[in-house]
Amino acid sequence: MDGILLFNQKGELFKFLRNIKQNIKREVESYDHDYILNVSEEDFYQYLFSKYSLSPLKIYEDKIYISE
């Protein structure tokens, strides 16, 4: 999820995070029940985590500016 603006272009971080949560839920529900019952819980968790996790913020103090 690199390259995502902090507030999803419109300052709506809550909606952005809720959308990620819904995407995860949809993906899990899209799998066959047998797959979910038989897949390694840790492997599945790691897959989802790597796909949907967000990178921590990087603040570059030397690039801070105010615009009007």
C-alpha atoms as a PDB file:
ATOM      1  CA  MET A   1       0.000   0.000   0.000  1.00  0.00           C
ATOM      2  CA  ASP A   2       2.895   2.302  -0.652  1.00  0.00           C
ATOM      3  CA  GLY A   3       2.254   5.697  -2.145  1.00  0.00           C
ATOM      4  CA  ILE A   4      -1.058   6.289  -0.366  1.00  0.00           C
ATOM      5  CA  LEU A   5      -1.666   9.839   0.744  1.00  0.00           C
ATOM      6  CA  LEU A   6      -2.088  10.271   4.479  1.00  0.00           C
ATOM      7  CA  PHE A   7      -5.748  11.209   4.384  1.00  0.00           C
ATOM      8  CA  ASN A   8      -6.769   9.606   1.109  1.00  0.00           C
ATOM      9  CA  GLN A   9      -6.763  12.912  -0.796  1.00  0.00           C
ATOM     10  CA  LYS A  10      -9.846  14.306   0.984  1.00  0.00           C
ATOM     11  CA  GLY A  11      -8.924  14.138   4.658  1.00  0.00           C
ATOM     12  CA  GLU A  12     -11.135  11.112   5.327  1.00  0.00           C
ATOM     13  CA  LEU A  13      -8.821   8.769   7.183  1.00  0.00           C
ATOM     14  CA  PHE A  14     -11.696   7.033   8.999  1.00  0.00           C
ATOM     15  CA  LYS A  15     -13.387   6.108   5.709  1.00  0.00           C
ATOM     16  CA  PHE A  16     -10.085   4.963   4.249  1.00  0.00           C
ATOM     17  CA  LEU A  17      -9.380   2.636   7.189  1.00  0.00           C
ATOM     18  CA  ARG A  18     -12.958   1.348   7.221  1.00  0.00           C
ATOM     19  CA  ASN A  19     -12.591   0.534   3.518  1.00  0.00           C
ATOM     20  CA  ILE A  20      -9.451  -1.498   4.218  1.00  0.00           C
ATOM     21  CA  LYS A  21     -11.317  -3.410   6.932  1.00  0.00           C
ATOM     22  CA  GLN A  22     -14.167  -4.150   4.526  1.00  0.00           C
ATOM     23  CA  ASN A  23     -11.712  -5.320   1.865  1.00  0.00           C
ATOM     24  CA  ILE A  24     -10.122  -7.750   4.308  1.00  0.00           C
ATOM     25  CA  LYS A  25     -13.522  -9.088   5.340  1.00  0.00           C
ATOM     26  CA  ARG A  26     -14.592  -9.497   1.700  1.00  0.00           C
ATOM     27  CA  GLU A  27     -11.395 -11.306   0.829  1.00  0.00           C
ATOM     28  CA  VAL A  28     -11.675 -13.737   3.742  1.00  0.00           C
ATOM     29  CA  GLU A  29     -15.336 -14.406   2.914  1.00  0.00           C
ATOM     30  CA  SER A  30     -14.443 -15.065  -0.731  1.00  0.00           C
ATOM     31  CA  TYR A  31     -12.432 -18.164   0.163  1.00  0.00           C
ATOM     32  CA  ASP A  32     -14.026 -21.574   0.241  1.00  0.00           C
ATOM     33  CA  HIS A  33     -14.946 -22.742   3.748  1.00  0.00           C
ATOM     34  CA  ASP A  34     -12.742 -25.828   3.375  1.00  0.00           C
ATOM     35  CA  TYR A  35      -9.765 -23.650   2.526  1.00  0.00           C
ATOM     36  CA  ILE A  36     -10.280 -21.497   5.624  1.00  0.00           C
ATOM     37  CA  LEU A  37     -10.647 -24.562   7.835  1.00  0.00           C
ATOM     38  CA  ASN A  38      -7.476 -26.176   6.488  1.00  0.00           C
ATOM     39  CA  VAL A  39      -5.122 -23.266   5.894  1.00  0.00           C
ATOM     40  CA  SER A  40      -2.436 -22.482   8.441  1.00  0.00           C
ATOM     41  CA  GLU A  41      -3.832 -19.703  10.597  1.00  0.00           C
ATOM     42  CA  GLU A  42      -0.407 -18.097  10.958  1.00  0.00           C
ATOM     43  CA  ASP A  43       0.309 -18.228   7.198  1.00  0.00           C
ATOM     44  CA  PHE A  44      -3.080 -16.766   6.350  1.00  0.00           C
ATOM     45  CA  TYR A  45      -2.645 -14.024   8.922  1.00  0.00           C
ATOM     46  CA  GLN A  46       0.815 -13.178   7.547  1.00  0.00           C
ATOM     47  CA  TYR A  47      -0.570 -13.053   4.004  1.00  0.00           C
ATOM     48  CA  LEU A  48      -3.353 -10.642   4.991  1.00  0.00           C
ATOM     49  CA  PHE A  49      -1.035  -8.583   7.157  1.00  0.00           C
ATOM     50  CA  SER A  50       1.524  -8.155   4.380  1.00  0.00           C
ATOM     51  CA  LYS A  51      -1.173  -7.273   1.850  1.00  0.00           C
ATOM     52  CA  TYR A  52      -3.130  -4.767   3.946  1.00  0.00           C
ATOM     53  CA  SER A  53      -0.699  -3.325   6.478  1.00  0.00           C
ATOM     54  CA  LEU A  54       0.229   0.338   6.246  1.00  0.00           C
ATOM     55  CA  SER A  55       3.735   1.680   6.528  1.00  0.00           C
ATOM     56  CA  PRO A  56       4.434   4.058   9.403  1.00  0.00           C
ATOM     57  CA  LEU A  57       4.518   7.762   8.649  1.00  0.00           C
ATOM     58  CA  LYS A  58       7.800   9.364   7.701  1.00  0.00           C
ATOM     59  CA  ILE A  59       8.063  13.007   8.672  1.00  0.00           C
ATOM     60  CA  TYR A  60      10.794  14.955   6.934  1.00  0.00           C
ATOM     61  CA  GLU A  61      11.242  18.023   9.109  1.00  0.00           C
ATOM     62  CA  ASP A  62      13.494  19.689   6.542  1.00  0.00           C
ATOM     63  CA  LYS A  63      10.641  19.559   3.978  1.00  0.00           C
ATOM     64  CA  ILE A  64       7.883  21.064   6.125  1.00  0.00           C
ATOM     65  CA  TYR A  65       6.278  24.199   4.696  1.00  0.00           C
ATOM     66  CA  ILE A  66       3.116  26.244   4.987  1.00  0.00           C
ATOM     67  CA  SER A  67       0.989  27.029   1.980  1.00  0.00           C
ATOM     68  CA  GLU A  68      -2.029  29.279   1.708  1.00  0.00           C
END
